[in-house]
Amino acid sequence: MARPRRRLWWIVGGIVAVLALGLGIGPLLYAATQEDAAAAPTVQAQPSDAPLVDDTDGTWTVAPGSSAGYRVDEVLNGADVTVAGTTGQVSGSVVIAGGDLSTGEVTVDVASISTDSGQRDSYFRGNVMDVGTHPTATFTIRGPVDLPELSGTPVTVPVTGDLTLRGQTRQVQTDLAVVRTAEGVDVSGAIPVVFGDFGISAPNLGFVRVEDRGQVEFLLKLVM
């Protein structure tokens, strides 16, 4: 009876070794296959002969084709990778009056932000952002903001606003890139964020760690 029992222990030991090896190598193999996320979409210069909207004064609404999300640096078992989550579920409006950016507010459906990993997205929506309690994020412009003459060539517009993440609101500053198009006005930008300022703990699960800062990105297509 001793020999079968010894064989059983060898089998059990082999299974444990294989599992341990898988747990150790699995994350390394995953990290090796990861590539940095593509660059965020930004406004584009229009062709010199392209027709452009005549007047920019009025109330502009965020239209389909807009996007928003986040970008962070992630360390997975020592391998650095840049991760970006995006969603097209963006709404809001902007008012331009007398050539000034008078008011503006953009709302993002945080629960719909996704990356290339369902597990990461589930952790982000639950543990990080608590979308059950705080389903949206908002950015509200503190106006008025003086706008340069808008044309088919992107211009930079510094703005100050209030960013709300996970129910916490902080004043932030960013540079908007703005261009006039045939359909309306396109706006893009990135807001640097320190997660702790918004009561958000950067994930640190041992084999994967997220840096304590990142940025909120957006591309808005505004139509009248």
Protein backbone atom coordinates (compact mmCIF):
# COMPACT_ATOMS: atom_id res chain seq x y z
CA MET A 1 0.00 0.00 0.00
CA ALA A 2 2.97 2.33 0.48
CA ARG A 3 3.80 2.49 -3.23
CA PRO A 4 0.34 3.69 -4.44
CA ARG A 5 0.26 6.25 -1.66
CA ARG A 6 3.72 7.50 -2.66
CA ARG A 7 2.55 7.74 -6.30
CA LEU A 8 -0.48 9.78 -5.19
CA TRP A 9 1.71 12.26 -3.37
CA TRP A 10 3.90 12.60 -6.46
CA ILE A 11 0.81 13.39 -8.53
CA VAL A 12 -0.50 15.91 -6.02
CA GLY A 13 2.94 17.52 -5.78
CA GLY A 14 3.13 17.76 -9.56
CA ILE A 15 -0.24 19.46 -9.76
CA VAL A 16 0.75 21.98 -7.10
CA ALA A 17 4.02 22.71 -8.92
CA VAL A 18 2.22 23.27 -12.21
CA LEU A 19 -0.28 25.62 -10.55
CA ALA A 20 2.48 27.55 -8.83
CA LEU A 21 4.39 27.83 -12.09
CA GLY A 22 1.26 29.05 -13.87
CA LEU A 23 0.57 31.67 -11.23
CA GLY A 24 4.11 32.94 -11.48
CA ILE A 25 4.58 32.85 -15.24
CA GLY A 26 1.01 33.72 -16.27
CA PRO A 27 1.22 37.41 -15.36
CA LEU A 28 4.68 37.62 -16.94
CA LEU A 29 3.38 36.16 -20.21
CA TYR A 30 0.41 38.53 -20.09
CA ALA A 31 2.70 41.49 -19.50
CA ALA A 32 4.92 40.47 -22.39
CA THR A 33 1.96 40.53 -24.78
CA GLN A 34 0.75 43.98 -23.76
CA GLU A 35 1.38 47.06 -25.87
CA ASP A 36 0.92 50.72 -24.97
CA ALA A 37 -2.53 52.07 -25.76
CA ALA A 38 -2.92 54.09 -28.95
CA ALA A 39 -2.58 57.85 -28.68
CA ALA A 40 -5.73 59.73 -27.70
CA PRO A 41 -7.78 61.16 -30.60
CA THR A 42 -7.34 64.90 -31.05
CA VAL A 43 -8.73 67.64 -33.27
CA GLN A 44 -7.41 67.77 -36.81
CA ALA A 45 -6.61 70.70 -39.09
CA GLN A 46 -9.16 71.09 -41.87
CA PRO A 47 -8.25 71.25 -45.57
CA SER A 48 -7.67 74.81 -46.74
CA ASP A 49 -10.60 74.61 -49.15
CA ALA A 50 -13.00 72.91 -46.71
CA PRO A 51 -16.29 74.74 -45.98
CA LEU A 52 -16.57 75.81 -42.33
CA VAL A 53 -19.54 76.80 -40.18
CA ASP A 54 -20.25 80.53 -40.50
CA ASP A 55 -20.91 81.64 -36.92
CA THR A 56 -19.70 80.18 -33.63
CA ASP A 57 -21.94 82.18 -31.28
CA GLY A 58 -24.73 80.06 -29.77
CA THR A 59 -25.34 76.87 -27.81
CA TRP A 60 -23.37 73.85 -28.98
CA THR A 61 -24.28 70.28 -28.06
CA VAL A 62 -21.96 67.30 -27.70
CA ALA A 63 -22.70 65.07 -30.71
CA PRO A 64 -22.13 61.38 -31.56
CA GLY A 65 -18.52 60.69 -32.41
CA SER A 66 -17.33 62.31 -29.19
CA SER A 67 -15.29 60.27 -26.71
CA ALA A 68 -13.77 60.53 -23.26
CA GLY A 69 -11.85 58.35 -20.85
CA TYR A 70 -8.64 57.95 -18.88
CA ARG A 71 -4.98 57.13 -19.44
CA VAL A 72 -2.67 55.65 -16.78
CA ASP A 73 0.68 53.90 -16.50
CA GLU A 74 0.42 50.33 -15.21
CA VAL A 75 3.27 48.16 -13.91
CA LEU A 76 2.62 44.44 -14.33
CA ASN A 77 5.36 42.27 -12.79
CA GLY A 78 7.93 44.93 -13.60
CA ALA A 79 6.73 45.57 -17.15
CA ASP A 80 5.50 49.12 -17.84
CA VAL A 81 2.49 49.62 -20.08
CA THR A 82 0.22 52.60 -20.77
CA VAL A 83 -3.48 51.79 -20.48
CA ALA A 84 -6.34 53.86 -21.89
CA GLY A 85 -10.06 53.42 -21.24
CA THR A 86 -12.62 55.15 -23.44
CA THR A 87 -16.35 55.56 -23.98
CA GLY A 88 -18.56 57.24 -26.52
CA GLN A 89 -21.24 57.86 -23.88
CA VAL A 90 -20.56 61.59 -23.56
CA SER A 91 -23.11 64.41 -23.28
CA GLY A 92 -23.20 68.11 -22.53
CA SER A 93 -23.27 71.57 -24.05
CA VAL A 94 -21.12 74.66 -24.54
CA VAL A 95 -22.25 78.27 -24.94
CA ILE A 96 -20.23 80.76 -27.00
CA ALA A 97 -21.37 84.37 -26.74
CA GLY A 98 -19.68 87.42 -28.20
CA GLY A 99 -16.64 85.38 -29.09
CA ASP A 100 -16.22 84.17 -25.50
CA LEU A 101 -16.61 80.67 -24.15
CA SER A 102 -19.35 81.59 -21.71
CA THR A 103 -20.30 78.26 -20.09
CA GLY A 104 -19.78 74.58 -20.69
CA GLU A 105 -20.38 71.25 -19.00
CA VAL A 106 -19.53 67.73 -20.16
CA THR A 107 -20.81 64.53 -18.54
CA VAL A 108 -19.21 61.12 -19.05
CA ASP A 109 -20.86 57.76 -18.34
CA VAL A 110 -18.04 56.21 -16.28
CA ALA A 111 -19.74 52.82 -16.14
CA SER A 112 -19.32 52.41 -19.91
CA ILE A 113 -15.57 53.17 -20.02
CA SER A 114 -13.71 50.11 -21.27
CA THR A 115 -10.18 48.91 -22.08
CA ASP A 116 -8.90 45.72 -23.69
CA SER A 117 -9.41 43.76 -20.45
CA GLY A 118 -12.79 42.86 -18.97
CA GLN A 119 -11.19 42.03 -15.61
CA ARG A 120 -9.51 45.43 -15.44
CA ASP A 121 -12.78 47.15 -16.39
CA SER A 122 -14.73 45.29 -13.72
CA TYR A 123 -12.22 46.29 -11.04
CA PHE A 124 -12.17 49.90 -12.30
CA ARG A 125 -15.96 50.24 -12.25
CA GLY A 126 -16.40 48.61 -8.85
CA ASN A 127 -13.38 48.99 -6.58
CA VAL A 128 -11.88 52.14 -8.10
CA MET A 129 -14.77 54.33 -9.27
CA ASP A 130 -17.78 52.80 -7.47
CA VAL A 131 -20.04 53.48 -10.45
CA GLY A 132 -23.03 52.09 -8.56
CA THR A 133 -22.90 55.23 -6.41
CA HIS A 134 -21.11 57.61 -8.78
CA PRO A 135 -22.06 56.60 -12.33
CA THR A 136 -20.84 59.78 -14.04
CA ALA A 137 -17.95 62.23 -14.12
CA THR A 138 -18.31 65.88 -15.09
CA PHE A 139 -16.15 68.75 -16.23
CA THR A 140 -17.57 72.26 -15.87
CA ILE A 141 -15.81 75.27 -17.37
CA ARG A 142 -15.34 78.36 -15.23
CA GLY A 143 -16.10 81.11 -17.74
CA PRO A 144 -16.03 83.37 -19.44
CA VAL A 145 -12.97 82.36 -21.45
CA ASP A 146 -11.65 84.56 -24.25
CA LEU A 147 -11.57 82.66 -27.53
CA PRO A 148 -9.24 83.51 -30.39
CA GLU A 149 -10.66 83.61 -33.90
CA LEU A 150 -11.64 80.04 -34.72
CA SER A 151 -10.67 78.65 -38.10
CA GLY A 152 -9.79 75.35 -39.73
CA THR A 153 -6.41 75.45 -37.98
CA PRO A 154 -6.44 74.24 -34.33
CA VAL A 155 -5.83 76.89 -31.68
CA THR A 156 -4.91 76.43 -28.02
CA VAL A 157 -7.29 77.78 -25.39
CA PRO A 158 -6.26 77.65 -21.68
CA VAL A 159 -9.27 77.04 -19.42
CA THR A 160 -10.00 76.58 -15.73
CA GLY A 161 -12.80 74.28 -14.65
CA ASP A 162 -14.21 71.95 -12.03
CA LEU A 163 -13.62 68.21 -12.48
CA THR A 164 -15.81 65.77 -10.53
CA LEU A 165 -14.67 62.16 -10.13
CA ARG A 166 -16.25 59.66 -7.75
CA GLY A 167 -18.27 62.45 -6.12
CA GLN A 168 -15.23 64.62 -5.38
CA THR A 169 -14.84 68.00 -7.14
CA ARG A 170 -11.52 69.77 -7.66
CA GLN A 171 -10.51 72.86 -9.64
CA VAL A 172 -8.28 71.96 -12.58
CA GLN A 173 -6.56 73.67 -15.49
CA THR A 174 -6.00 72.39 -18.99
CA ASP A 175 -5.32 73.52 -22.55
CA LEU A 176 -8.07 72.88 -25.07
CA ALA A 177 -7.34 72.40 -28.76
CA VAL A 178 -10.21 73.94 -30.76
CA VAL A 179 -10.91 73.90 -34.50
CA ARG A 180 -13.85 74.96 -36.68
CA THR A 181 -15.20 72.28 -39.03
CA ALA A 182 -17.89 71.94 -41.68
CA GLU A 183 -20.26 70.43 -39.09
CA GLY A 184 -19.42 72.61 -36.10
CA VAL A 185 -16.55 72.88 -33.63
CA ASP A 186 -14.19 70.11 -32.44
CA VAL A 187 -12.48 70.29 -29.05
CA SER A 188 -9.89 67.98 -27.50
CA GLY A 189 -7.84 68.04 -24.33
CA ALA A 190 -6.26 66.13 -21.45
CA ILE A 191 -6.57 66.96 -17.75
CA PRO A 192 -3.76 65.75 -15.44
CA VAL A 193 -5.17 63.99 -12.37
CA VAL A 194 -3.67 62.91 -9.04
CA PHE A 195 -6.03 60.16 -7.92
CA GLY A 196 -5.62 60.84 -4.21
CA ASP A 197 -6.99 64.37 -4.72
CA PHE A 198 -10.33 62.76 -5.58
CA GLY A 199 -10.29 60.13 -2.84
CA ILE A 200 -9.35 57.42 -5.33
CA SER A 201 -6.81 54.77 -4.32
CA ALA A 202 -4.59 53.68 -7.20
CA PRO A 203 -4.85 49.87 -7.52
CA ASN A 204 -1.93 47.88 -6.10
CA LEU A 205 -2.61 44.15 -6.25
CA GLY A 206 0.95 42.91 -5.87
CA PHE A 207 1.68 41.68 -9.38
CA VAL A 208 -0.05 44.72 -10.90
CA ARG A 209 0.28 48.32 -9.76
CA VAL A 210 -1.15 51.53 -11.20
CA GLU A 211 0.69 54.84 -10.85
CA ASP A 212 -0.96 57.36 -8.52
CA ARG A 213 -1.59 59.85 -11.32
CA GLY A 214 -2.90 59.83 -14.86
CA GLN A 215 -5.09 61.97 -17.07
CA VAL A 216 -8.66 62.40 -18.24
CA GLU A 217 -8.90 62.69 -22.04
CA PHE A 218 -11.68 63.85 -24.32
CA LEU A 219 -12.56 64.64 -27.90
CA LEU A 220 -15.80 66.59 -28.33
CA LYS A 221 -17.67 67.12 -31.57
CA LEU A 222 -19.97 70.09 -31.02
CA VAL A 223 -22.92 70.89 -33.25
CA MET A 224 -25.52 73.65 -33.13
